[in-house]
Amino acid sequence: MNVLIIDDHHVVRKGLIFFLKTQKDIHIVGEGSTGEEAIKLTEQCMPDLILMDLDMPDMNGIEATKAIRKKFPQVKILILTSYSDQSHCIPAIAAGASGYQLKDVEPDELVKTMNEIMDGENYIHPKATTHLMSKFSHENEDIHLWHELTKREKDVLSEMGKGKSNKEIATDLFITEKTVKTHVSHILSKLDVDDRTQAAIFAVKNNFVK
């Protein structure tokens, strides 16, 4: 496989190159230290696989991954980073990365991951997988709660998400203010939140505002 290595830490980058050059069937076609270089080098070298760092100057690995996958969808990208938190791993996978591996990985395990990705499989480090599963679990829970609401309660919640008062909601939905208060009470109970502000945040966060 033809491999491009992108990492702004010189020692890490050179260490990867030194090790991977000892591996049969792996050819290093280029190296870079920024997201912008990753895009330019991909166009020049047309690698099969990119080892991509996340935290880099000028353009981070997530932005570079998104740009490369859009222009060169056949190129595989393996994120190689020190971060396992959800604020990094979830956007990276969403950007189109085929794998997410941590830098403390054993060298042989890294090569194994690279080969699996080239064979069409995806790989996500267990620590990152935990965050992804947690995200999807919460999303499914929120969708379930949304479906618990009646159509009129959904309409009221959507208006709450726009920051409208009960009086404004009543006017816009052609119902009485007392009816709105009843709906709001039911919404807070079904969503298990303490106040209308939390309910409004729930609506906005999940794109339930029409």
N, C-alpha and C. Protein backbone atom coordinates (compact mmCIF):
# COMPACT_ATOMS: atom_id res chain seq x y z
N MET A 1 0.84 -1.20 0.00
CA MET A 1 0.00 0.00 0.00
C MET A 1 0.88 1.25 0.00
N ASN A 2 0.42 2.27 -0.67
CA ASN A 2 1.11 3.56 -0.69
C ASN A 2 0.57 4.41 0.45
N VAL A 3 1.46 4.85 1.33
CA VAL A 3 1.05 5.53 2.56
C VAL A 3 1.59 6.95 2.64
N LEU A 4 0.73 7.87 3.03
CA LEU A 4 1.10 9.26 3.28
C LEU A 4 0.99 9.50 4.79
N ILE A 5 2.01 10.13 5.37
CA ILE A 5 2.02 10.37 6.82
C ILE A 5 1.92 11.87 7.10
N ILE A 6 0.90 12.25 7.88
CA ILE A 6 0.69 13.65 8.22
C ILE A 6 0.69 13.81 9.74
N ASP A 7 1.70 14.49 10.25
CA ASP A 7 1.81 14.72 11.70
C ASP A 7 2.75 15.90 11.92
N ASP A 8 2.34 16.85 12.77
CA ASP A 8 3.17 18.05 12.95
C ASP A 8 4.33 17.82 13.92
N HIS A 9 4.37 16.66 14.58
CA HIS A 9 5.50 16.35 15.46
C HIS A 9 6.57 15.61 14.65
N HIS A 10 7.69 16.27 14.46
CA HIS A 10 8.76 15.74 13.62
C HIS A 10 9.23 14.35 14.08
N VAL A 11 9.43 14.18 15.39
CA VAL A 11 9.93 12.91 15.91
C VAL A 11 8.94 11.79 15.66
N VAL A 12 7.66 12.07 15.89
CA VAL A 12 6.61 11.06 15.65
C VAL A 12 6.58 10.67 14.19
N ARG A 13 6.60 11.68 13.32
CA ARG A 13 6.53 11.43 11.88
C ARG A 13 7.72 10.60 11.39
N LYS A 14 8.90 10.99 11.80
CA LYS A 14 10.10 10.27 11.37
C LYS A 14 10.14 8.85 11.96
N GLY A 15 9.62 8.72 13.19
CA GLY A 15 9.57 7.39 13.82
C GLY A 15 8.65 6.46 13.05
N LEU A 16 7.50 6.98 12.62
CA LEU A 16 6.56 6.18 11.83
C LEU A 16 7.18 5.77 10.50
N ILE A 17 7.83 6.72 9.86
CA ILE A 17 8.47 6.43 8.57
C ILE A 17 9.54 5.36 8.72
N PHE A 18 10.37 5.51 9.75
CA PHE A 18 11.45 4.55 9.99
C PHE A 18 10.90 3.14 10.19
N PHE A 19 9.83 3.03 11.00
CA PHE A 19 9.26 1.71 11.27
C PHE A 19 8.56 1.14 10.04
N LEU A 20 7.72 1.94 9.40
CA LEU A 20 6.92 1.43 8.28
C LEU A 20 7.78 1.05 7.07
N LYS A 21 8.93 1.67 6.94
CA LYS A 21 9.83 1.31 5.84
C LYS A 21 10.40 -0.10 6.00
N THR A 22 10.32 -0.63 7.22
CA THR A 22 10.82 -1.99 7.45
C THR A 22 9.76 -3.03 7.10
N GLN A 23 8.54 -2.56 6.82
CA GLN A 23 7.44 -3.48 6.56
C GLN A 23 7.30 -3.79 5.07
N LYS A 24 7.13 -5.07 4.78
CA LYS A 24 6.94 -5.50 3.41
C LYS A 24 5.59 -4.99 2.90
N ASP A 25 5.55 -4.58 1.67
CA ASP A 25 4.31 -4.14 1.01
C ASP A 25 3.81 -2.78 1.46
N ILE A 26 4.62 -2.03 2.23
CA ILE A 26 4.24 -0.66 2.60
C ILE A 26 5.25 0.30 2.00
N HIS A 27 4.75 1.26 1.23
CA HIS A 27 5.62 2.23 0.55
C HIS A 27 5.21 3.64 0.99
N ILE A 28 6.14 4.39 1.58
CA ILE A 28 5.87 5.75 2.02
C ILE A 28 6.01 6.68 0.82
N VAL A 29 4.91 7.34 0.45
CA VAL A 29 4.92 8.20 -0.75
C VAL A 29 5.06 9.68 -0.41
N GLY A 30 4.94 10.02 0.88
CA GLY A 30 5.07 11.42 1.25
C GLY A 30 4.84 11.65 2.73
N GLU A 31 5.18 12.85 3.18
CA GLU A 31 4.97 13.23 4.58
C GLU A 31 4.69 14.72 4.65
N GLY A 32 3.88 15.09 5.65
CA GLY A 32 3.54 16.49 5.84
C GLY A 32 3.23 16.78 7.28
N SER A 33 3.08 18.08 7.61
CA SER A 33 2.88 18.45 9.00
C SER A 33 1.63 19.29 9.25
N THR A 34 0.85 19.55 8.19
CA THR A 34 -0.38 20.34 8.37
C THR A 34 -1.52 19.74 7.55
N GLY A 35 -2.72 20.18 7.86
CA GLY A 35 -3.88 19.70 7.13
C GLY A 35 -3.84 20.13 5.67
N GLU A 36 -3.39 21.36 5.43
CA GLU A 36 -3.31 21.85 4.05
C GLU A 36 -2.30 21.04 3.24
N GLU A 37 -1.18 20.70 3.88
CA GLU A 37 -0.19 19.86 3.19
C GLU A 37 -0.78 18.49 2.87
N ALA A 38 -1.62 17.98 3.76
CA ALA A 38 -2.25 16.68 3.54
C ALA A 38 -3.07 16.68 2.26
N ILE A 39 -3.81 17.76 2.05
CA ILE A 39 -4.65 17.86 0.84
C ILE A 39 -3.78 17.96 -0.42
N LYS A 40 -2.76 18.82 -0.37
CA LYS A 40 -1.88 18.99 -1.53
C LYS A 40 -1.13 17.70 -1.86
N LEU A 41 -0.60 17.04 -0.82
CA LEU A 41 0.17 15.82 -1.04
C LEU A 41 -0.70 14.66 -1.52
N THR A 42 -1.94 14.64 -1.07
CA THR A 42 -2.86 13.60 -1.55
C THR A 42 -3.05 13.73 -3.05
N GLU A 43 -3.21 14.96 -3.52
CA GLU A 43 -3.39 15.20 -4.95
C GLU A 43 -2.13 14.84 -5.73
N GLN A 44 -0.98 15.12 -5.14
CA GLN A 44 0.29 14.84 -5.83
C GLN A 44 0.67 13.36 -5.80
N CYS A 45 0.51 12.73 -4.64
CA CYS A 45 1.01 11.36 -4.45
C CYS A 45 -0.04 10.28 -4.63
N MET A 46 -1.31 10.63 -4.52
CA MET A 46 -2.42 9.68 -4.60
C MET A 46 -2.17 8.42 -3.75
N PRO A 47 -2.08 8.59 -2.43
CA PRO A 47 -1.84 7.45 -1.55
C PRO A 47 -3.07 6.55 -1.45
N ASP A 48 -2.84 5.32 -1.03
CA ASP A 48 -3.96 4.41 -0.74
C ASP A 48 -4.50 4.70 0.65
N LEU A 49 -3.57 5.06 1.55
CA LEU A 49 -3.91 5.26 2.96
C LEU A 49 -3.15 6.45 3.53
N ILE A 50 -3.83 7.25 4.34
CA ILE A 50 -3.18 8.38 5.02
C ILE A 50 -3.23 8.14 6.52
N LEU A 51 -2.08 8.26 7.18
CA LEU A 51 -2.04 8.28 8.64
C LEU A 51 -2.14 9.74 9.03
N MET A 52 -3.24 10.13 9.66
CA MET A 52 -3.54 11.54 9.89
C MET A 52 -3.60 11.90 11.37
N ASP A 53 -2.77 12.88 11.75
CA ASP A 53 -2.84 13.42 13.10
C ASP A 53 -4.05 14.35 13.18
N LEU A 54 -4.51 14.70 14.37
CA LEU A 54 -5.66 15.59 14.51
C LEU A 54 -5.27 17.02 14.83
N ASP A 55 -4.46 17.20 15.85
CA ASP A 55 -4.13 18.54 16.33
C ASP A 55 -2.92 19.09 15.58
N MET A 56 -3.19 19.90 14.54
CA MET A 56 -2.12 20.45 13.71
C MET A 56 -2.40 21.92 13.43
N PRO A 57 -1.34 22.69 13.14
CA PRO A 57 -1.53 24.11 12.82
C PRO A 57 -2.16 24.29 11.44
N ASP A 58 -2.75 25.40 11.23
CA ASP A 58 -3.31 25.88 9.96
C ASP A 58 -4.58 25.16 9.52
N MET A 59 -4.64 23.86 9.63
CA MET A 59 -5.87 23.10 9.38
C MET A 59 -5.77 21.79 10.11
N ASN A 60 -6.75 21.48 10.96
CA ASN A 60 -6.64 20.25 11.75
C ASN A 60 -6.98 19.01 10.92
N GLY A 61 -6.76 17.86 11.53
CA GLY A 61 -6.95 16.60 10.81
C GLY A 61 -8.38 16.31 10.43
N ILE A 62 -9.34 16.79 11.22
CA ILE A 62 -10.76 16.57 10.91
C ILE A 62 -11.15 17.33 9.65
N GLU A 63 -10.75 18.60 9.57
CA GLU A 63 -11.06 19.41 8.38
C GLU A 63 -10.38 18.83 7.15
N ALA A 64 -9.12 18.40 7.31
CA ALA A 64 -8.39 17.82 6.18
C ALA A 64 -9.03 16.51 5.72
N THR A 65 -9.44 15.70 6.68
CA THR A 65 -10.10 14.43 6.35
C THR A 65 -11.37 14.67 5.54
N LYS A 66 -12.16 15.63 5.99
CA LYS A 66 -13.41 15.94 5.31
C LYS A 66 -13.15 16.39 3.87
N ALA A 67 -12.14 17.26 3.70
CA ALA A 67 -11.82 17.78 2.36
C ALA A 67 -11.28 16.69 1.45
N ILE A 68 -10.42 15.84 1.99
CA ILE A 68 -9.82 14.77 1.17
C ILE A 68 -10.86 13.73 0.78
N ARG A 69 -11.69 13.34 1.71
CA ARG A 69 -12.71 12.32 1.41
C ARG A 69 -13.74 12.82 0.40
N LYS A 70 -13.96 14.12 0.41
CA LYS A 70 -14.91 14.69 -0.55
C LYS A 70 -14.33 14.69 -1.95
N LYS A 71 -13.04 14.99 -2.05
CA LYS A 71 -12.38 15.08 -3.37
C LYS A 71 -11.84 13.75 -3.84
N PHE A 72 -11.36 12.93 -2.88
CA PHE A 72 -10.77 11.63 -3.23
C PHE A 72 -11.41 10.53 -2.36
N PRO A 73 -12.63 10.16 -2.63
CA PRO A 73 -13.36 9.20 -1.79
C PRO A 73 -12.72 7.82 -1.71
N GLN A 74 -11.84 7.50 -2.66
CA GLN A 74 -11.21 6.18 -2.66
C GLN A 74 -10.04 6.10 -1.67
N VAL A 75 -9.56 7.25 -1.21
CA VAL A 75 -8.42 7.27 -0.28
C VAL A 75 -8.89 6.97 1.14
N LYS A 76 -8.24 6.01 1.78
CA LYS A 76 -8.57 5.64 3.16
C LYS A 76 -7.78 6.53 4.12
N ILE A 77 -8.40 6.88 5.24
CA ILE A 77 -7.73 7.71 6.24
C ILE A 77 -7.82 7.06 7.62
N LEU A 78 -6.66 6.87 8.22
CA LEU A 78 -6.59 6.34 9.58
C LEU A 78 -6.12 7.46 10.49
N ILE A 79 -6.98 7.86 11.40
CA ILE A 79 -6.59 8.89 12.37
C ILE A 79 -5.65 8.27 13.39
N LEU A 80 -4.52 8.91 13.59
CA LEU A 80 -3.55 8.44 14.58
C LEU A 80 -3.29 9.60 15.53
N THR A 81 -3.81 9.49 16.75
CA THR A 81 -3.82 10.64 17.66
C THR A 81 -3.63 10.23 19.11
N SER A 82 -3.45 11.22 19.96
CA SER A 82 -3.35 10.98 21.40
C SER A 82 -4.70 11.14 22.08
N TYR A 83 -5.67 11.67 21.34
CA TYR A 83 -6.98 11.98 21.93
C TYR A 83 -7.97 10.83 21.76
N SER A 84 -8.63 10.46 22.85
CA SER A 84 -9.67 9.43 22.76
C SER A 84 -11.04 9.97 23.16
N ASP A 85 -11.13 11.29 23.47
CA ASP A 85 -12.40 11.87 23.93
C ASP A 85 -13.36 12.05 22.76
N GLN A 86 -14.64 12.18 23.10
CA GLN A 86 -15.68 12.23 22.08
C GLN A 86 -15.63 13.50 21.22
N SER A 87 -15.07 14.59 21.76
CA SER A 87 -15.01 15.83 20.99
C SER A 87 -14.04 15.70 19.81
N HIS A 88 -13.19 14.68 19.84
CA HIS A 88 -12.27 14.44 18.71
C HIS A 88 -12.70 13.24 17.88
N CYS A 89 -13.02 12.12 18.52
CA CYS A 89 -13.27 10.89 17.77
C CYS A 89 -14.57 10.94 16.97
N ILE A 90 -15.63 11.51 17.54
CA ILE A 90 -16.91 11.55 16.83
C ILE A 90 -16.83 12.40 15.57
N PRO A 91 -16.30 13.64 15.64
CA PRO A 91 -16.18 14.43 14.41
C PRO A 91 -15.27 13.79 13.37
N ALA A 92 -14.22 13.09 13.83
CA ALA A 92 -13.29 12.45 12.89
C ALA A 92 -13.98 11.35 12.08
N ILE A 93 -14.75 10.52 12.77
CA ILE A 93 -15.48 9.46 12.08
C ILE A 93 -16.55 10.06 11.17
N ALA A 94 -17.21 11.11 11.66
CA ALA A 94 -18.24 11.77 10.86
C ALA A 94 -17.64 12.41 9.61
N ALA A 95 -16.36 12.82 9.69
CA ALA A 95 -15.69 13.45 8.56
C ALA A 95 -15.33 12.45 7.47
N GLY A 96 -15.36 11.16 7.81
CA GLY A 96 -15.09 10.14 6.81
C GLY A 96 -13.88 9.26 7.05
N ALA A 97 -13.28 9.38 8.24
CA ALA A 97 -12.13 8.52 8.55
C ALA A 97 -12.55 7.05 8.61
N SER A 98 -11.71 6.17 8.09
CA SER A 98 -12.01 4.74 8.10
C SER A 98 -11.56 4.07 9.39
N GLY A 99 -10.71 4.78 10.14
CA GLY A 99 -10.23 4.21 11.39
C GLY A 99 -9.77 5.27 12.36
N TYR A 100 -9.71 4.89 13.63
CA TYR A 100 -9.30 5.82 14.69
C TYR A 100 -8.42 5.04 15.66
N GLN A 101 -7.13 5.35 15.65
CA GLN A 101 -6.17 4.61 16.47
C GLN A 101 -5.39 5.59 17.34
N LEU A 102 -4.96 5.13 18.52
CA LEU A 102 -4.19 5.98 19.42
C LEU A 102 -2.69 5.78 19.22
N LYS A 103 -1.92 6.82 19.52
CA LYS A 103 -0.48 6.80 19.24
C LYS A 103 0.30 5.85 20.14
N ASP A 104 -0.32 5.39 21.23
CA ASP A 104 0.40 4.45 22.08
C ASP A 104 0.22 3.00 21.61
N VAL A 105 -0.33 2.83 20.43
CA VAL A 105 -0.55 1.50 19.86
C VAL A 105 0.79 0.79 19.62
N GLU A 106 0.79 -0.53 19.78
CA GLU A 106 1.97 -1.31 19.47
C GLU A 106 2.21 -1.26 17.95
N PRO A 107 3.46 -1.16 17.51
CA PRO A 107 3.77 -1.06 16.08
C PRO A 107 3.10 -2.13 15.22
N ASP A 108 3.18 -3.39 15.67
CA ASP A 108 2.57 -4.47 14.88
C ASP A 108 1.05 -4.32 14.79
N GLU A 109 0.45 -3.80 15.87
CA GLU A 109 -0.99 -3.59 15.88
C GLU A 109 -1.38 -2.48 14.90
N LEU A 110 -0.53 -1.48 14.78
CA LEU A 110 -0.77 -0.40 13.83
C LEU A 110 -0.80 -0.94 12.40
N VAL A 111 0.18 -1.76 12.07
CA VAL A 111 0.23 -2.36 10.73
C VAL A 111 -0.99 -3.22 10.48
N LYS A 112 -1.39 -3.97 11.48
CA LYS A 112 -2.58 -4.81 11.36
C LYS A 112 -3.82 -3.95 11.08
N THR A 113 -3.94 -2.83 11.80
CA THR A 113 -5.06 -1.92 11.59
C THR A 113 -5.05 -1.36 10.18
N MET A 114 -3.87 -0.97 9.70
CA MET A 114 -3.73 -0.43 8.35
C MET A 114 -4.18 -1.45 7.29
N ASN A 115 -3.78 -2.68 7.48
CA ASN A 115 -4.16 -3.73 6.53
C ASN A 115 -5.66 -4.00 6.55
N GLU A 116 -6.24 -3.98 7.75
CA GLU A 116 -7.69 -4.20 7.88
C GLU A 116 -8.46 -3.11 7.15
N ILE A 117 -8.00 -1.88 7.29
CA ILE A 117 -8.66 -0.76 6.62
C ILE A 117 -8.55 -0.89 5.10
N MET A 118 -7.39 -1.32 4.63
CA MET A 118 -7.21 -1.50 3.19
C MET A 118 -8.05 -2.66 2.67
N ASP A 119 -8.41 -3.56 3.54
CA ASP A 119 -9.28 -4.69 3.16
C ASP A 119 -10.76 -4.32 3.22
N GLY A 120 -11.02 -3.05 3.53
CA GLY A 120 -12.40 -2.58 3.53
C GLY A 120 -13.08 -2.56 4.88
N GLU A 121 -12.32 -2.88 5.93
CA GLU A 121 -12.90 -2.87 7.28
C GLU A 121 -12.68 -1.50 7.93
N ASN A 122 -13.44 -1.24 8.97
CA ASN A 122 -13.26 -0.02 9.75
C ASN A 122 -12.70 -0.41 11.11
N TYR A 123 -11.89 0.48 11.69
CA TYR A 123 -11.35 0.19 13.01
C TYR A 123 -11.47 1.43 13.89
N ILE A 124 -12.00 1.25 15.08
CA ILE A 124 -12.08 2.33 16.05
C ILE A 124 -11.55 1.80 17.38
N HIS A 125 -10.59 2.50 17.94
CA HIS A 125 -10.01 2.09 19.22
C HIS A 125 -11.11 1.94 20.26
N PRO A 126 -11.02 0.93 21.12
CA PRO A 126 -12.07 0.69 22.14
C PRO A 126 -12.45 1.90 22.95
N LYS A 127 -11.48 2.75 23.31
CA LYS A 127 -11.80 3.95 24.10
C LYS A 127 -12.70 4.88 23.30
N ALA A 128 -12.42 5.01 22.01
CA ALA A 128 -13.24 5.87 21.15
C ALA A 128 -14.60 5.23 20.90
N THR A 129 -14.63 3.92 20.79
CA THR A 129 -15.89 3.21 20.55
C THR A 129 -16.88 3.47 21.68
N THR A 130 -16.38 3.52 22.91
CA THR A 130 -17.23 3.80 24.07
C THR A 130 -17.94 5.13 23.91
N HIS A 131 -17.20 6.14 23.44
CA HIS A 131 -17.80 7.46 23.25
C HIS A 131 -18.85 7.44 22.14
N LEU A 132 -18.55 6.72 21.07
CA LEU A 132 -19.50 6.64 19.96
C LEU A 132 -20.79 5.95 20.38
N MET A 133 -20.66 4.85 21.10
CA MET A 133 -21.83 4.12 21.55
C MET A 133 -22.68 4.97 22.49
N SER A 134 -21.99 5.75 23.33
CA SER A 134 -22.68 6.63 24.26
C SER A 134 -23.47 7.69 23.50
N LYS A 135 -22.87 8.24 22.47
CA LYS A 135 -23.53 9.27 21.66
C LYS A 135 -24.79 8.71 21.02
N PHE A 136 -24.66 7.55 20.35
CA PHE A 136 -25.80 6.98 19.66
C PHE A 136 -26.89 6.55 20.64
N SER A 137 -26.47 6.10 21.82
CA SER A 137 -27.43 5.71 22.84
C SER A 137 -28.27 6.91 23.26
N HIS A 138 -27.61 8.05 23.47
CA HIS A 138 -28.32 9.26 23.87
C HIS A 138 -29.23 9.74 22.74
N GLU A 139 -28.75 9.63 21.50
CA GLU A 139 -29.55 10.05 20.36
C GLU A 139 -30.83 9.22 20.27
N ASN A 140 -30.68 7.91 20.43
CA ASN A 140 -31.83 7.02 20.36
C ASN A 140 -32.82 7.32 21.49
N GLU A 141 -32.27 7.62 22.66
CA GLU A 141 -33.11 7.94 23.81
C GLU A 141 -33.90 9.22 23.55
N ASP A 142 -33.22 10.24 22.98
CA ASP A 142 -33.88 11.51 22.69
C ASP A 142 -34.99 11.33 21.66
N ILE A 143 -34.71 10.53 20.62
CA ILE A 143 -35.72 10.27 19.60
C ILE A 143 -36.92 9.56 20.20
N HIS A 144 -36.65 8.64 21.11
CA HIS A 144 -37.74 7.92 21.78
C HIS A 144 -38.61 8.90 22.58
N LEU A 145 -37.96 9.81 23.29
CA LEU A 145 -38.70 10.79 24.08
C LEU A 145 -39.54 11.69 23.18
N TRP A 146 -38.99 12.06 22.03
CA TRP A 146 -39.71 12.89 21.07
C TRP A 146 -40.98 12.21 20.59
N HIS A 147 -40.87 10.91 20.32
CA HIS A 147 -42.03 10.17 19.83
C HIS A 147 -43.08 9.95 20.92
N GLU A 148 -42.69 10.17 22.18
CA GLU A 148 -43.65 10.05 23.27
C GLU A 148 -44.61 11.24 23.30
N LEU A 149 -44.22 12.33 22.66
CA LEU A 149 -45.04 13.54 22.66
C LEU A 149 -46.16 13.43 21.62
N THR A 150 -47.28 14.08 21.93
CA THR A 150 -48.37 14.14 20.94
C THR A 150 -47.98 15.16 19.86
N LYS A 151 -48.73 15.19 18.79
CA LYS A 151 -48.43 16.13 17.70
C LYS A 151 -48.48 17.57 18.20
N ARG A 152 -49.49 17.90 18.98
CA ARG A 152 -49.61 19.26 19.48
C ARG A 152 -48.50 19.60 20.46
N GLU A 153 -48.08 18.63 21.29
CA GLU A 153 -46.96 18.86 22.21
C GLU A 153 -45.67 19.11 21.45
N LYS A 154 -45.50 18.40 20.33
CA LYS A 154 -44.32 18.62 19.48
C LYS A 154 -44.33 20.04 18.91
N ASP A 155 -45.52 20.49 18.50
CA ASP A 155 -45.65 21.85 17.97
C ASP A 155 -45.28 22.88 19.03
N VAL A 156 -45.77 22.66 20.24
CA VAL A 156 -45.48 23.59 21.34
C VAL A 156 -43.99 23.57 21.68
N LEU A 157 -43.41 22.39 21.74
CA LEU A 157 -41.98 22.28 22.05
C LEU A 157 -41.13 22.97 20.98
N SER A 158 -41.52 22.81 19.74
CA SER A 158 -40.80 23.47 18.65
C SER A 158 -40.82 24.98 18.82
N GLU A 159 -41.97 25.52 19.22
CA GLU A 159 -42.08 26.97 19.45
C GLU A 159 -41.27 27.38 20.68
N MET A 160 -41.23 26.52 21.69
CA MET A 160 -40.42 26.80 22.88
C MET A 160 -38.95 26.89 22.50
N GLY A 161 -38.56 26.02 21.55
CA GLY A 161 -37.17 26.03 21.08
C GLY A 161 -36.79 27.32 20.38
N LYS A 162 -37.80 28.08 19.94
CA LYS A 162 -37.57 29.37 19.29
C LYS A 162 -37.54 30.51 20.31
N GLY A 163 -37.73 30.14 21.59
CA GLY A 163 -37.68 31.14 22.66
C GLY A 163 -38.97 31.90 22.86
N LYS A 164 -40.07 31.38 22.37
CA LYS A 164 -41.35 32.08 22.48
C LYS A 164 -41.99 31.87 23.86
N SER A 165 -42.74 32.88 24.28
CA SER A 165 -43.47 32.80 25.55
C SER A 165 -44.75 32.01 25.34
N ASN A 166 -45.43 31.65 26.43
CA ASN A 166 -46.71 30.94 26.32
C ASN A 166 -47.73 31.74 25.54
N LYS A 167 -47.73 33.06 25.76
CA LYS A 167 -48.69 33.92 25.07
C LYS A 167 -48.43 33.91 23.56
N GLU A 168 -47.15 34.01 23.19
CA GLU A 168 -46.80 34.01 21.76
C GLU A 168 -47.13 32.67 21.12
N ILE A 169 -46.87 31.59 21.85
CA ILE A 169 -47.17 30.24 21.33
C ILE A 169 -48.68 30.09 21.12
N ALA A 170 -49.44 30.57 22.09
CA ALA A 170 -50.90 30.49 21.99
C ALA A 170 -51.41 31.22 20.75
N THR A 171 -50.85 32.40 20.51
CA THR A 171 -51.27 33.20 19.34
C THR A 171 -50.91 32.49 18.04
N ASP A 172 -49.68 31.97 17.96
CA ASP A 172 -49.21 31.34 16.73
C ASP A 172 -49.91 30.02 16.43
N LEU A 173 -50.27 29.29 17.48
CA LEU A 173 -50.91 27.98 17.27
C LEU A 173 -52.44 28.03 17.37
N PHE A 174 -52.96 29.26 17.58
CA PHE A 174 -54.42 29.45 17.65
C PHE A 174 -55.07 28.61 18.76
N ILE A 175 -54.44 28.62 19.93
CA ILE A 175 -54.99 27.93 21.10
C ILE A 175 -54.90 28.89 22.28
N THR A 176 -55.55 28.54 23.37
CA THR A 176 -55.53 29.43 24.53
C THR A 176 -54.21 29.30 25.30
N GLU A 177 -53.89 30.34 26.05
CA GLU A 177 -52.67 30.32 26.84
C GLU A 177 -52.73 29.23 27.91
N LYS A 178 -53.93 28.99 28.42
CA LYS A 178 -54.12 27.93 29.42
C LYS A 178 -53.80 26.57 28.81
N THR A 179 -54.20 26.35 27.57
CA THR A 179 -53.91 25.08 26.88
C THR A 179 -52.40 24.92 26.68
N VAL A 180 -51.75 26.03 26.35
CA VAL A 180 -50.29 25.99 26.18
C VAL A 180 -49.62 25.56 27.48
N LYS A 181 -50.05 26.15 28.60
CA LYS A 181 -49.47 25.81 29.90
C LYS A 181 -49.64 24.32 30.21
N THR A 182 -50.81 23.78 29.84
CA THR A 182 -51.06 22.35 30.05
C THR A 182 -50.09 21.51 29.22
N HIS A 183 -49.92 21.91 27.94
CA HIS A 183 -48.99 21.18 27.06
C HIS A 183 -47.56 21.26 27.60
N VAL A 184 -47.17 22.45 28.05
CA VAL A 184 -45.81 22.64 28.58
C VAL A 184 -45.59 21.72 29.78
N SER A 185 -46.58 21.63 30.65
CA SER A 185 -46.48 20.77 31.82
C SER A 185 -46.28 19.31 31.42
N HIS A 186 -47.05 18.87 30.41
CA HIS A 186 -46.92 17.49 29.92
C HIS A 186 -45.55 17.25 29.28
N ILE A 187 -45.06 18.25 28.55
CA ILE A 187 -43.76 18.14 27.87
C ILE A 187 -42.64 17.98 28.90
N LEU A 188 -42.66 18.82 29.94
CA LEU A 188 -41.62 18.75 30.97
C LEU A 188 -41.63 17.39 31.65
N SER A 189 -42.82 16.86 31.88
CA SER A 189 -42.95 15.56 32.54
C SER A 189 -42.43 14.44 31.65
N LYS A 190 -42.82 14.46 30.38
CA LYS A 190 -42.42 13.38 29.45
C LYS A 190 -40.92 13.41 29.14
N LEU A 191 -40.36 14.62 29.08
CA LEU A 191 -38.92 14.73 28.80
C LEU A 191 -38.08 14.59 30.06
N ASP A 192 -38.74 14.60 31.21
CA ASP A 192 -38.07 14.50 32.51
C ASP A 192 -37.04 15.62 32.68
N VAL A 193 -37.48 16.86 32.42
CA VAL A 193 -36.64 18.03 32.62
C VAL A 193 -37.30 18.95 33.64
N ASP A 194 -36.51 19.86 34.21
CA ASP A 194 -37.00 20.68 35.32
C ASP A 194 -37.74 21.95 34.88
N ASP A 195 -37.36 22.50 33.74
CA ASP A 195 -37.99 23.75 33.33
C ASP A 195 -38.04 23.88 31.81
N ARG A 196 -38.68 24.92 31.33
CA ARG A 196 -38.88 25.11 29.90
C ARG A 196 -37.56 25.41 29.18
N THR A 197 -36.59 25.97 29.91
CA THR A 197 -35.29 26.23 29.29
C THR A 197 -34.62 24.92 28.88
N GLN A 198 -34.64 23.94 29.77
CA GLN A 198 -34.06 22.64 29.46
C GLN A 198 -34.82 21.97 28.31
N ALA A 199 -36.14 22.14 28.29
CA ALA A 199 -36.94 21.57 27.21
C ALA A 199 -36.57 22.22 25.88
N ALA A 200 -36.37 23.53 25.90
CA ALA A 200 -36.01 24.26 24.69
C ALA A 200 -34.63 23.82 24.19
N ILE A 201 -33.70 23.60 25.11
CA ILE A 201 -32.36 23.13 24.74
C ILE A 201 -32.46 21.75 24.10
N PHE A 202 -33.30 20.89 24.66
CA PHE A 202 -33.54 19.55 24.10
C PHE A 202 -34.02 19.66 22.66
N ALA A 203 -34.95 20.57 22.41
CA ALA A 203 -35.50 20.74 21.06
C ALA A 203 -34.45 21.24 20.07
N VAL A 204 -33.67 22.23 20.49
CA VAL A 204 -32.65 22.80 19.61
C VAL A 204 -31.53 21.81 19.34
N LYS A 205 -31.07 21.14 20.41
CA LYS A 205 -29.94 20.19 20.29
C LYS A 205 -30.25 19.06 19.31
N ASN A 206 -31.50 18.63 19.31
CA ASN A 206 -31.89 17.50 18.45
C ASN A 206 -32.54 17.92 17.13
N ASN A 207 -32.45 19.22 16.83
CA ASN A 207 -33.03 19.74 15.58
C ASN A 207 -34.52 19.47 15.46
N PHE A 208 -35.24 19.60 16.59
CA PHE A 208 -36.68 19.38 16.58
C PHE A 208 -37.45 20.69 16.40
N VAL A 209 -36.71 21.77 16.20
CA VAL A 209 -37.35 23.07 15.99
C VAL A 209 -37.68 23.24 14.52
N LYS A 210 -38.96 23.43 14.20
CA LYS A 210 -39.39 23.53 12.80
C LYS A 210 -39.33 24.98 12.34
